[in-house]
N, C-alpha and C. Protein backbone atom coordinates (compact mmCIF):
# COMPACT_ATOMS: atom_id res chain seq x y z
N MET A 1 -5.37 -4.68 -10.97
CA MET A 1 -6.69 -4.99 -10.40
C MET A 1 -7.67 -3.85 -10.67
N SER A 2 -8.94 -4.16 -10.64
CA SER A 2 -9.97 -3.20 -10.97
C SER A 2 -10.37 -2.38 -9.74
N TYR A 3 -11.07 -1.28 -9.99
CA TYR A 3 -11.59 -0.47 -8.90
C TYR A 3 -12.54 -1.29 -8.03
N GLN A 4 -13.27 -2.22 -8.67
CA GLN A 4 -14.18 -3.07 -7.90
C GLN A 4 -13.41 -3.88 -6.87
N SER A 5 -12.21 -4.34 -7.19
CA SER A 5 -11.39 -5.08 -6.24
C SER A 5 -11.04 -4.21 -5.04
N LYS A 6 -10.73 -2.96 -5.28
CA LYS A 6 -10.45 -2.02 -4.20
C LYS A 6 -11.68 -1.86 -3.31
N LYS A 7 -12.81 -1.73 -3.94
CA LYS A 7 -14.06 -1.56 -3.22
C LYS A 7 -14.36 -2.78 -2.35
N GLU A 8 -14.14 -3.96 -2.90
CA GLU A 8 -14.40 -5.19 -2.16
C GLU A 8 -13.46 -5.33 -0.97
N LEU A 9 -12.18 -4.95 -1.16
CA LEU A 9 -11.22 -5.04 -0.07
C LEU A 9 -11.57 -4.05 1.04
N ARG A 10 -12.02 -2.86 0.67
CA ARG A 10 -12.46 -1.89 1.69
C ARG A 10 -13.61 -2.48 2.51
N ARG A 11 -14.56 -3.07 1.83
CA ARG A 11 -15.72 -3.64 2.53
C ARG A 11 -15.27 -4.75 3.47
N GLU A 12 -14.38 -5.61 3.02
CA GLU A 12 -13.91 -6.72 3.84
C GLU A 12 -13.16 -6.22 5.08
N MET A 13 -12.27 -5.24 4.90
CA MET A 13 -11.48 -4.73 6.02
C MET A 13 -12.34 -3.98 7.04
N LYS A 14 -13.33 -3.24 6.56
CA LYS A 14 -14.23 -2.55 7.48
C LYS A 14 -14.99 -3.55 8.34
N LEU A 15 -15.36 -4.68 7.76
CA LEU A 15 -16.07 -5.71 8.50
C LEU A 15 -15.15 -6.33 9.56
N VAL A 16 -13.90 -6.60 9.18
CA VAL A 16 -12.93 -7.16 10.12
C VAL A 16 -12.73 -6.22 11.31
N MET A 17 -12.52 -4.93 11.02
CA MET A 17 -12.23 -3.96 12.08
C MET A 17 -13.43 -3.72 12.99
N ALA A 18 -14.61 -3.82 12.45
CA ALA A 18 -15.82 -3.58 13.24
C ALA A 18 -16.13 -4.73 14.18
N ASN A 19 -15.47 -5.87 13.99
CA ASN A 19 -15.80 -7.05 14.78
C ASN A 19 -14.62 -7.55 15.62
N LEU A 20 -13.71 -6.66 15.98
CA LEU A 20 -12.59 -7.04 16.84
C LEU A 20 -13.10 -7.35 18.25
N ASP A 21 -12.48 -8.32 18.88
CA ASP A 21 -12.80 -8.66 20.26
C ASP A 21 -12.25 -7.55 21.16
N PRO A 22 -13.09 -6.86 21.92
CA PRO A 22 -12.62 -5.76 22.78
C PRO A 22 -11.54 -6.19 23.77
N ARG A 23 -11.59 -7.43 24.24
CA ARG A 23 -10.58 -7.92 25.17
C ARG A 23 -9.23 -8.03 24.49
N TRP A 24 -9.23 -8.43 23.23
CA TRP A 24 -8.00 -8.52 22.45
C TRP A 24 -7.47 -7.13 22.12
N SER A 25 -8.35 -6.25 21.64
CA SER A 25 -7.91 -4.95 21.17
C SER A 25 -7.39 -4.07 22.30
N GLN A 26 -7.91 -4.23 23.51
CA GLN A 26 -7.42 -3.44 24.63
C GLN A 26 -5.92 -3.66 24.84
N ARG A 27 -5.51 -4.91 24.76
CA ARG A 27 -4.08 -5.24 24.90
C ARG A 27 -3.31 -4.86 23.64
N ALA A 28 -3.92 -5.08 22.49
CA ALA A 28 -3.24 -4.85 21.22
C ALA A 28 -2.94 -3.37 20.99
N HIS A 29 -3.80 -2.47 21.47
CA HIS A 29 -3.51 -1.04 21.35
C HIS A 29 -2.18 -0.70 22.02
N VAL A 30 -1.97 -1.24 23.22
CA VAL A 30 -0.73 -0.98 23.95
C VAL A 30 0.45 -1.57 23.20
N GLU A 31 0.31 -2.77 22.69
CA GLU A 31 1.40 -3.43 21.97
C GLU A 31 1.77 -2.66 20.71
N ALA A 32 0.77 -2.21 19.96
CA ALA A 32 1.05 -1.45 18.73
C ALA A 32 1.77 -0.15 19.05
N CYS A 33 1.31 0.56 20.07
CA CYS A 33 1.94 1.83 20.45
C CYS A 33 3.36 1.61 20.95
N THR A 34 3.59 0.54 21.69
CA THR A 34 4.94 0.23 22.18
C THR A 34 5.90 0.00 21.02
N HIS A 35 5.48 -0.76 20.03
CA HIS A 35 6.32 -0.99 18.85
C HIS A 35 6.54 0.30 18.07
N LEU A 36 5.53 1.14 18.01
CA LEU A 36 5.65 2.40 17.28
C LEU A 36 6.62 3.34 17.98
N ILE A 37 6.60 3.39 19.30
CA ILE A 37 7.54 4.21 20.06
C ILE A 37 8.98 3.76 19.80
N GLU A 38 9.20 2.45 19.78
CA GLU A 38 10.54 1.93 19.50
C GLU A 38 10.95 2.20 18.07
N LEU A 39 10.02 2.09 17.14
CA LEU A 39 10.34 2.35 15.73
C LEU A 39 10.74 3.80 15.52
N LEU A 40 10.09 4.71 16.23
CA LEU A 40 10.41 6.13 16.09
C LEU A 40 11.87 6.40 16.42
N LYS A 41 12.41 5.68 17.36
CA LYS A 41 13.82 5.84 17.72
C LYS A 41 14.74 5.40 16.59
N ARG A 42 14.27 4.46 15.77
CA ARG A 42 15.08 3.93 14.67
C ARG A 42 15.03 4.81 13.42
N VAL A 43 13.87 5.40 13.15
CA VAL A 43 13.72 6.14 11.90
C VAL A 43 14.14 7.60 12.02
N ALA A 44 14.24 8.10 13.25
CA ALA A 44 14.67 9.49 13.43
C ALA A 44 15.66 9.59 14.58
N PRO A 45 16.77 8.82 14.50
CA PRO A 45 17.72 8.81 15.62
C PRO A 45 18.50 10.12 15.71
N GLY A 46 18.55 10.66 16.91
CA GLY A 46 19.38 11.84 17.14
C GLY A 46 18.91 13.13 16.50
N ALA A 47 17.70 13.13 15.91
CA ALA A 47 17.22 14.36 15.28
C ALA A 47 16.98 15.43 16.34
N GLN A 48 17.50 16.64 16.10
CA GLN A 48 17.33 17.73 17.05
C GLN A 48 15.89 18.22 17.10
N LYS A 49 15.21 18.09 15.99
CA LYS A 49 13.85 18.59 15.87
C LYS A 49 13.03 17.55 15.12
N ARG A 50 12.04 16.98 15.79
CA ARG A 50 11.22 15.96 15.15
C ARG A 50 9.78 16.42 15.05
N HIS A 51 9.19 16.21 13.89
CA HIS A 51 7.80 16.55 13.64
C HIS A 51 7.04 15.25 13.41
N ILE A 52 6.10 14.96 14.28
CA ILE A 52 5.34 13.71 14.21
C ILE A 52 3.89 14.01 13.85
N PHE A 53 3.43 13.45 12.77
CA PHE A 53 2.04 13.61 12.34
C PHE A 53 1.29 12.33 12.68
N ALA A 54 0.29 12.44 13.56
CA ALA A 54 -0.43 11.26 14.04
C ALA A 54 -1.92 11.43 13.75
N TRP A 55 -2.76 10.67 14.45
CA TRP A 55 -4.20 10.81 14.29
C TRP A 55 -4.90 10.27 15.53
N VAL A 56 -6.17 10.56 15.65
CA VAL A 56 -7.00 9.95 16.68
C VAL A 56 -7.97 9.00 15.98
N PRO A 57 -8.34 7.89 16.62
CA PRO A 57 -9.21 6.93 15.94
C PRO A 57 -10.57 7.55 15.62
N CYS A 58 -10.98 7.36 14.39
CA CYS A 58 -12.24 7.96 13.91
C CYS A 58 -13.28 6.91 13.56
N PHE A 59 -12.81 5.71 13.21
CA PHE A 59 -13.70 4.67 12.70
C PHE A 59 -13.56 3.40 13.54
N PRO A 60 -14.56 2.54 13.53
CA PRO A 60 -14.50 1.31 14.34
C PRO A 60 -13.24 0.50 14.06
N GLY A 61 -12.56 0.09 15.14
CA GLY A 61 -11.43 -0.81 15.02
C GLY A 61 -10.09 -0.18 14.76
N GLU A 62 -10.00 1.13 14.60
CA GLU A 62 -8.70 1.75 14.35
C GLU A 62 -7.81 1.69 15.60
N VAL A 63 -6.51 1.64 15.36
CA VAL A 63 -5.55 1.63 16.47
C VAL A 63 -5.64 2.96 17.22
N ASP A 64 -5.69 2.87 18.55
CA ASP A 64 -5.73 4.07 19.40
C ASP A 64 -4.29 4.48 19.70
N LEU A 65 -3.89 5.65 19.22
CA LEU A 65 -2.51 6.11 19.36
C LEU A 65 -2.28 6.99 20.58
N ALA A 66 -3.22 7.06 21.52
CA ALA A 66 -3.10 7.98 22.65
C ALA A 66 -1.80 7.75 23.42
N MET A 67 -1.44 6.51 23.67
CA MET A 67 -0.21 6.20 24.40
C MET A 67 1.02 6.69 23.63
N PHE A 68 1.03 6.46 22.32
CA PHE A 68 2.14 6.91 21.49
C PHE A 68 2.22 8.43 21.46
N ILE A 69 1.09 9.10 21.32
CA ILE A 69 1.08 10.56 21.26
C ILE A 69 1.63 11.15 22.56
N GLY A 70 1.21 10.60 23.69
CA GLY A 70 1.70 11.08 24.97
C GLY A 70 3.21 10.96 25.08
N GLU A 71 3.76 9.87 24.61
CA GLU A 71 5.21 9.67 24.67
C GLU A 71 5.92 10.59 23.68
N ALA A 72 5.38 10.73 22.47
CA ALA A 72 6.01 11.57 21.45
C ALA A 72 6.07 13.04 21.87
N LEU A 73 5.06 13.50 22.60
CA LEU A 73 5.02 14.90 23.02
C LEU A 73 6.18 15.26 23.95
N LYS A 74 6.81 14.27 24.55
CA LYS A 74 7.92 14.54 25.46
C LYS A 74 9.17 15.03 24.73
N SER A 75 9.27 14.71 23.44
CA SER A 75 10.51 15.03 22.74
C SER A 75 10.32 15.52 21.30
N ALA A 76 9.06 15.74 20.90
CA ALA A 76 8.82 16.11 19.50
C ALA A 76 7.64 17.05 19.38
N TYR A 77 7.55 17.71 18.23
CA TYR A 77 6.36 18.46 17.87
C TYR A 77 5.36 17.45 17.30
N VAL A 78 4.15 17.46 17.81
CA VAL A 78 3.14 16.48 17.37
C VAL A 78 1.95 17.22 16.78
N TYR A 79 1.39 16.66 15.72
CA TYR A 79 0.30 17.29 14.99
C TYR A 79 -0.82 16.27 14.75
N LEU A 80 -2.06 16.76 14.75
CA LEU A 80 -3.22 15.95 14.42
C LEU A 80 -3.97 16.58 13.25
N PRO A 81 -4.66 15.77 12.44
CA PRO A 81 -5.35 16.31 11.27
C PRO A 81 -6.65 17.02 11.60
N ARG A 82 -6.93 18.05 10.80
CA ARG A 82 -8.22 18.73 10.86
C ARG A 82 -8.73 18.87 9.43
N VAL A 83 -9.97 18.49 9.19
CA VAL A 83 -10.59 18.60 7.86
C VAL A 83 -11.64 19.69 7.91
N ASP A 84 -11.55 20.66 6.99
CA ASP A 84 -12.49 21.78 7.02
C ASP A 84 -13.70 21.52 6.14
N GLU A 85 -14.57 22.51 6.04
CA GLU A 85 -15.83 22.33 5.31
C GLU A 85 -15.62 22.13 3.82
N SER A 86 -14.45 22.51 3.31
CA SER A 86 -14.15 22.29 1.88
C SER A 86 -13.49 20.93 1.65
N ASN A 87 -13.38 20.12 2.70
CA ASN A 87 -12.79 18.78 2.65
C ASN A 87 -11.27 18.81 2.51
N ALA A 88 -10.65 19.93 2.86
CA ALA A 88 -9.18 20.04 2.83
C ALA A 88 -8.63 19.64 4.20
N MET A 89 -7.58 18.84 4.21
CA MET A 89 -6.97 18.39 5.46
C MET A 89 -5.70 19.18 5.75
N SER A 90 -5.59 19.68 6.97
CA SER A 90 -4.37 20.32 7.45
C SER A 90 -3.99 19.66 8.77
N PHE A 91 -2.78 19.91 9.24
CA PHE A 91 -2.35 19.36 10.52
C PHE A 91 -2.12 20.48 11.52
N ILE A 92 -2.56 20.23 12.75
CA ILE A 92 -2.53 21.23 13.81
C ILE A 92 -1.62 20.76 14.94
N GLN A 93 -0.70 21.63 15.36
CA GLN A 93 0.19 21.26 16.46
C GLN A 93 -0.60 21.17 17.76
N ILE A 94 -0.32 20.14 18.55
CA ILE A 94 -1.04 19.93 19.81
C ILE A 94 -0.08 19.99 20.99
N GLY A 95 -0.65 20.12 22.18
CA GLY A 95 0.11 20.10 23.42
C GLY A 95 -0.39 19.01 24.34
N ASP A 96 0.07 19.02 25.58
CA ASP A 96 -0.30 17.99 26.53
C ASP A 96 -1.81 17.94 26.81
N ASP A 97 -2.51 19.03 26.52
CA ASP A 97 -3.95 19.08 26.77
C ASP A 97 -4.79 18.62 25.58
N TRP A 98 -4.16 17.99 24.60
CA TRP A 98 -4.82 17.71 23.32
C TRP A 98 -6.12 16.92 23.44
N SER A 99 -6.15 15.96 24.38
CA SER A 99 -7.33 15.09 24.45
C SER A 99 -8.58 15.84 24.88
N SER A 100 -8.41 16.97 25.56
CA SER A 100 -9.57 17.77 25.99
C SER A 100 -9.92 18.85 24.97
N GLN A 101 -9.17 18.89 23.87
CA GLN A 101 -9.35 19.95 22.87
C GLN A 101 -9.85 19.40 21.54
N LEU A 102 -10.51 18.24 21.58
CA LEU A 102 -11.03 17.64 20.37
C LEU A 102 -12.52 17.97 20.23
N ALA A 103 -12.95 18.14 19.00
CA ALA A 103 -14.36 18.41 18.73
C ALA A 103 -14.76 17.65 17.47
N SER A 104 -16.04 17.44 17.31
CA SER A 104 -16.55 16.73 16.15
C SER A 104 -16.50 17.65 14.93
N GLY A 105 -15.82 17.18 13.88
CA GLY A 105 -15.70 17.96 12.66
C GLY A 105 -16.54 17.38 11.55
N GLU A 106 -16.04 17.52 10.31
CA GLU A 106 -16.75 16.99 9.15
C GLU A 106 -16.94 15.48 9.31
N ARG A 107 -18.10 14.98 8.95
CA ARG A 107 -18.46 13.56 9.02
C ARG A 107 -18.43 13.05 10.46
N GLY A 108 -18.45 13.97 11.44
CA GLY A 108 -18.47 13.56 12.83
C GLY A 108 -17.15 13.08 13.38
N ILE A 109 -16.07 13.32 12.64
CA ILE A 109 -14.74 12.84 13.04
C ILE A 109 -14.13 13.78 14.07
N LEU A 110 -13.58 13.23 15.14
CA LEU A 110 -12.91 14.03 16.16
C LEU A 110 -11.62 14.62 15.61
N GLN A 111 -11.40 15.90 15.91
CA GLN A 111 -10.21 16.59 15.45
C GLN A 111 -9.97 17.81 16.35
N PRO A 112 -8.77 18.42 16.28
CA PRO A 112 -8.54 19.63 17.09
C PRO A 112 -9.62 20.67 16.80
N ARG A 113 -10.19 21.21 17.85
CA ARG A 113 -11.29 22.18 17.69
C ARG A 113 -10.77 23.46 17.03
N ASP A 114 -11.65 24.20 16.41
CA ASP A 114 -11.31 25.50 15.82
C ASP A 114 -10.77 26.42 16.92
N GLY A 115 -9.68 27.08 16.62
CA GLY A 115 -9.08 28.01 17.57
C GLY A 115 -8.01 27.38 18.43
N TYR A 116 -7.88 26.05 18.38
CA TYR A 116 -6.86 25.38 19.19
C TYR A 116 -5.66 25.03 18.32
N GLY A 117 -4.45 25.38 18.79
CA GLY A 117 -3.23 24.98 18.11
C GLY A 117 -2.93 25.77 16.86
N GLU A 118 -1.69 25.67 16.43
CA GLU A 118 -1.23 26.36 15.22
C GLU A 118 -1.06 25.36 14.08
N PRO A 119 -1.37 25.78 12.85
CA PRO A 119 -1.14 24.89 11.71
C PRO A 119 0.35 24.57 11.57
N ALA A 120 0.63 23.36 11.13
CA ALA A 120 2.02 22.95 10.92
C ALA A 120 2.64 23.82 9.84
N SER A 121 3.89 24.19 10.05
CA SER A 121 4.66 24.89 9.02
C SER A 121 5.80 23.97 8.62
N TYR A 122 6.12 23.95 7.34
CA TYR A 122 7.08 22.98 6.83
C TYR A 122 8.34 23.71 6.35
N ASP A 123 9.47 23.26 6.89
CA ASP A 123 10.76 23.78 6.44
C ASP A 123 11.73 22.62 6.40
N ASP A 124 13.00 22.90 6.21
CA ASP A 124 13.99 21.84 6.06
C ASP A 124 14.59 21.39 7.38
N ALA A 125 14.16 21.94 8.49
CA ALA A 125 14.79 21.64 9.77
C ALA A 125 14.17 20.40 10.40
N GLY A 126 15.01 19.45 10.75
CA GLY A 126 14.55 18.30 11.51
C GLY A 126 14.02 17.16 10.67
N ALA A 127 13.45 16.18 11.37
CA ALA A 127 12.94 14.96 10.74
C ALA A 127 11.41 14.98 10.75
N TYR A 128 10.82 14.54 9.67
CA TYR A 128 9.37 14.49 9.54
C TYR A 128 8.93 13.02 9.47
N VAL A 129 8.00 12.64 10.34
CA VAL A 129 7.49 11.28 10.38
C VAL A 129 5.97 11.33 10.33
N VAL A 130 5.39 10.65 9.37
CA VAL A 130 3.93 10.65 9.21
C VAL A 130 3.40 9.26 9.58
N VAL A 131 2.69 9.18 10.68
CA VAL A 131 2.05 7.95 11.12
C VAL A 131 0.68 7.91 10.45
N THR A 132 0.47 6.90 9.61
CA THR A 132 -0.61 6.94 8.64
C THR A 132 -1.64 5.83 8.85
N PRO A 133 -2.91 6.16 8.90
CA PRO A 133 -3.94 5.13 9.01
C PRO A 133 -4.22 4.50 7.65
N GLY A 134 -4.88 3.36 7.67
CA GLY A 134 -5.26 2.71 6.42
C GLY A 134 -6.15 1.52 6.70
N LEU A 135 -6.91 1.11 5.71
CA LEU A 135 -7.75 -0.07 5.85
C LEU A 135 -6.97 -1.35 5.60
N ALA A 136 -5.92 -1.27 4.77
CA ALA A 136 -5.08 -2.43 4.50
C ALA A 136 -3.74 -1.95 3.96
N PHE A 137 -2.71 -2.78 4.16
CA PHE A 137 -1.38 -2.52 3.64
C PHE A 137 -0.80 -3.85 3.12
N ASP A 138 0.22 -3.76 2.25
CA ASP A 138 0.94 -4.97 1.88
C ASP A 138 2.43 -4.77 2.13
N LYS A 139 3.24 -5.80 1.90
CA LYS A 139 4.65 -5.75 2.26
C LYS A 139 5.46 -4.83 1.36
N MET A 140 4.88 -4.41 0.24
CA MET A 140 5.53 -3.42 -0.61
C MET A 140 5.29 -2.00 -0.09
N GLY A 141 4.47 -1.89 0.95
CA GLY A 141 4.16 -0.58 1.51
C GLY A 141 2.95 0.08 0.90
N ARG A 142 2.29 -0.63 0.00
CA ARG A 142 1.10 -0.05 -0.62
C ARG A 142 -0.03 0.02 0.39
N ARG A 143 -0.80 1.08 0.29
CA ARG A 143 -1.82 1.40 1.28
C ARG A 143 -3.19 1.53 0.64
N LEU A 144 -4.19 0.98 1.32
CA LEU A 144 -5.58 1.19 0.92
C LEU A 144 -6.23 2.12 1.93
N GLY A 145 -6.55 3.34 1.50
CA GLY A 145 -7.23 4.29 2.37
C GLY A 145 -8.74 4.14 2.23
N ARG A 146 -9.44 5.14 2.71
CA ARG A 146 -10.90 5.09 2.68
C ARG A 146 -11.49 5.78 1.45
N GLY A 147 -10.63 6.24 0.56
CA GLY A 147 -11.10 6.77 -0.71
C GLY A 147 -11.19 8.28 -0.80
N GLY A 148 -10.86 8.98 0.30
CA GLY A 148 -10.96 10.44 0.26
C GLY A 148 -9.76 11.13 -0.36
N GLY A 149 -8.62 10.46 -0.39
CA GLY A 149 -7.42 11.04 -0.99
C GLY A 149 -6.69 12.05 -0.14
N HIS A 150 -7.11 12.24 1.12
CA HIS A 150 -6.49 13.27 1.96
C HIS A 150 -4.99 13.03 2.16
N TYR A 151 -4.63 11.81 2.48
CA TYR A 151 -3.22 11.54 2.75
C TYR A 151 -2.37 11.56 1.49
N ASP A 152 -2.89 11.12 0.37
CA ASP A 152 -2.13 11.18 -0.87
C ASP A 152 -1.80 12.63 -1.23
N ARG A 153 -2.75 13.53 -1.06
CA ARG A 153 -2.50 14.94 -1.34
C ARG A 153 -1.51 15.52 -0.33
N PHE A 154 -1.62 15.10 0.93
CA PHE A 154 -0.69 15.59 1.94
C PHE A 154 0.73 15.12 1.64
N PHE A 155 0.90 13.85 1.27
CA PHE A 155 2.22 13.33 0.95
C PHE A 155 2.84 14.06 -0.25
N GLU A 156 2.01 14.41 -1.20
CA GLU A 156 2.51 15.14 -2.37
C GLU A 156 3.07 16.50 -1.96
N ALA A 157 2.37 17.19 -1.06
CA ALA A 157 2.83 18.49 -0.58
C ALA A 157 4.07 18.36 0.28
N LEU A 158 4.21 17.24 0.99
CA LEU A 158 5.32 17.05 1.91
C LEU A 158 6.54 16.42 1.23
N ALA A 159 6.42 16.02 -0.02
CA ALA A 159 7.46 15.27 -0.72
C ALA A 159 8.86 15.89 -0.65
N PRO A 160 9.02 17.22 -0.79
CA PRO A 160 10.37 17.79 -0.75
C PRO A 160 11.11 17.55 0.57
N LEU A 161 10.40 17.21 1.63
CA LEU A 161 11.03 17.04 2.94
C LEU A 161 11.41 15.59 3.23
N SER A 162 11.14 14.68 2.30
CA SER A 162 11.52 13.28 2.45
C SER A 162 11.04 12.69 3.78
N ALA A 163 9.78 12.88 4.06
CA ALA A 163 9.21 12.37 5.30
C ALA A 163 9.21 10.86 5.33
N VAL A 164 9.41 10.29 6.52
CA VAL A 164 9.28 8.85 6.72
C VAL A 164 7.80 8.54 6.93
N LYS A 165 7.30 7.59 6.17
CA LYS A 165 5.87 7.27 6.23
C LYS A 165 5.69 5.90 6.88
N ILE A 166 4.94 5.88 7.98
CA ILE A 166 4.70 4.65 8.74
C ILE A 166 3.22 4.32 8.73
N GLY A 167 2.85 3.22 8.12
CA GLY A 167 1.48 2.76 8.17
C GLY A 167 1.23 1.99 9.46
N VAL A 168 0.14 2.30 10.14
CA VAL A 168 -0.19 1.62 11.39
C VAL A 168 -1.53 0.90 11.23
N CYS A 169 -1.54 -0.37 11.58
CA CYS A 169 -2.75 -1.17 11.44
C CYS A 169 -2.63 -2.41 12.31
N TRP A 170 -3.62 -3.27 12.27
CA TRP A 170 -3.55 -4.57 12.92
C TRP A 170 -2.95 -5.58 11.96
N SER A 171 -2.37 -6.64 12.49
CA SER A 171 -1.71 -7.63 11.65
C SER A 171 -2.68 -8.26 10.64
N MET A 172 -3.96 -8.38 10.99
CA MET A 172 -4.92 -8.96 10.06
C MET A 172 -5.28 -8.02 8.90
N GLN A 173 -4.77 -6.78 8.96
CA GLN A 173 -4.98 -5.85 7.85
C GLN A 173 -3.83 -5.89 6.83
N LEU A 174 -2.83 -6.73 7.07
CA LEU A 174 -1.77 -6.94 6.09
C LEU A 174 -2.24 -7.98 5.09
N VAL A 175 -2.23 -7.61 3.81
CA VAL A 175 -2.73 -8.50 2.77
C VAL A 175 -1.63 -8.75 1.73
N GLN A 176 -1.89 -9.69 0.86
CA GLN A 176 -0.89 -10.10 -0.12
C GLN A 176 -0.58 -8.99 -1.13
N ASP A 177 -1.63 -8.33 -1.58
CA ASP A 177 -1.44 -7.34 -2.65
C ASP A 177 -2.52 -6.29 -2.58
N ILE A 178 -2.12 -5.02 -2.65
CA ILE A 178 -3.07 -3.90 -2.62
C ILE A 178 -3.21 -3.34 -4.04
N PRO A 179 -4.41 -3.23 -4.56
CA PRO A 179 -4.60 -2.56 -5.85
C PRO A 179 -4.32 -1.07 -5.70
N VAL A 180 -3.53 -0.50 -6.60
CA VAL A 180 -3.14 0.89 -6.46
C VAL A 180 -3.43 1.68 -7.74
N ASP A 181 -3.52 2.99 -7.55
CA ASP A 181 -3.61 3.92 -8.67
C ASP A 181 -2.31 4.71 -8.74
N SER A 182 -2.13 5.47 -9.80
CA SER A 182 -0.86 6.16 -10.03
C SER A 182 -0.55 7.19 -8.94
N HIS A 183 -1.58 7.75 -8.30
CA HIS A 183 -1.36 8.80 -7.30
C HIS A 183 -1.15 8.23 -5.90
N ASP A 184 -1.33 6.93 -5.71
CA ASP A 184 -1.20 6.33 -4.38
C ASP A 184 0.26 6.37 -3.91
N VAL A 185 0.46 6.66 -2.63
CA VAL A 185 1.80 6.77 -2.05
C VAL A 185 2.06 5.58 -1.14
N SER A 186 3.25 4.99 -1.26
CA SER A 186 3.60 3.81 -0.47
C SER A 186 4.27 4.19 0.84
N MET A 187 4.17 3.29 1.81
CA MET A 187 4.77 3.48 3.13
C MET A 187 6.21 2.96 3.15
N ASP A 188 6.99 3.49 4.08
CA ASP A 188 8.35 3.01 4.30
C ASP A 188 8.38 1.89 5.35
N TRP A 189 7.45 1.98 6.30
CA TRP A 189 7.35 0.99 7.37
C TRP A 189 5.88 0.68 7.63
N ILE A 190 5.62 -0.52 8.14
CA ILE A 190 4.31 -0.89 8.63
C ILE A 190 4.48 -1.32 10.08
N CYS A 191 3.63 -0.84 10.96
CA CYS A 191 3.71 -1.18 12.38
C CYS A 191 2.37 -1.75 12.83
N THR A 192 2.41 -2.94 13.46
CA THR A 192 1.21 -3.59 13.98
C THR A 192 1.45 -3.98 15.43
N GLU A 193 0.48 -4.65 16.01
CA GLU A 193 0.63 -5.13 17.38
C GLU A 193 1.70 -6.21 17.50
N LYS A 194 2.13 -6.76 16.36
CA LYS A 194 3.15 -7.81 16.37
C LYS A 194 4.56 -7.28 16.13
N GLY A 195 4.69 -6.01 15.76
CA GLY A 195 6.01 -5.44 15.53
C GLY A 195 6.05 -4.55 14.30
N ALA A 196 7.26 -4.11 13.94
CA ALA A 196 7.46 -3.20 12.80
C ALA A 196 8.11 -3.94 11.64
N LEU A 197 7.66 -3.63 10.45
CA LEU A 197 8.15 -4.24 9.23
C LEU A 197 8.63 -3.15 8.28
N GLN A 198 9.90 -3.23 7.87
CA GLN A 198 10.38 -2.33 6.83
C GLN A 198 9.85 -2.85 5.48
N THR A 199 9.20 -2.00 4.74
CA THR A 199 8.58 -2.46 3.51
C THR A 199 9.62 -2.74 2.45
N GLN A 200 9.25 -3.57 1.51
CA GLN A 200 10.16 -3.93 0.41
C GLN A 200 10.44 -2.73 -0.48
N ARG A 201 9.62 -1.71 -0.36
CA ARG A 201 9.88 -0.46 -1.09
C ARG A 201 11.23 0.14 -0.70
N ARG A 202 11.64 -0.07 0.56
CA ARG A 202 12.86 0.54 1.06
C ARG A 202 14.03 -0.44 1.21
N ILE A 203 13.82 -1.71 0.90
CA ILE A 203 14.88 -2.70 1.06
C ILE A 203 15.70 -2.79 -0.23
């Protein structure tokens, strides 16, 4: 597929997400987080040390992971992304006070404020799970991001640790086929308000 197809799909998904019924999404946020909490038990069972990379909603219609983050903090190291003025993304370890430590960063996106938390350090100890946003996903695990390439670069750096990659979205963001480029990274699982799906990439 052409780049124009990618552009059209981004436009369509942004429109869908911007027009969600608030009454529906309030319940769906809880359902998505509940499924994600259960999935975490399956993909990292018995790990002594778990590193969970999550996010806070930045754009209209994104899944709110606050419930999931609160639960994950009970048994894992949790990190949120921070983008600096050079457009480089890093992940910052958070604590129970994370929601009061967010500030507006580049493009007005909420992220851990400067001076809060330590940057993630990567070693071979424990399990790494990356909960990943996207505008659309397909059953092969292919992901359509917003075009910045932040997560693709992050996955490339994290590759030696064999991190489990979980795409989180609404069920209406699952499409038949995602146009991809050679640098695009596929997900191992997709989690929506309807449940978790192991992608065909891993079957």
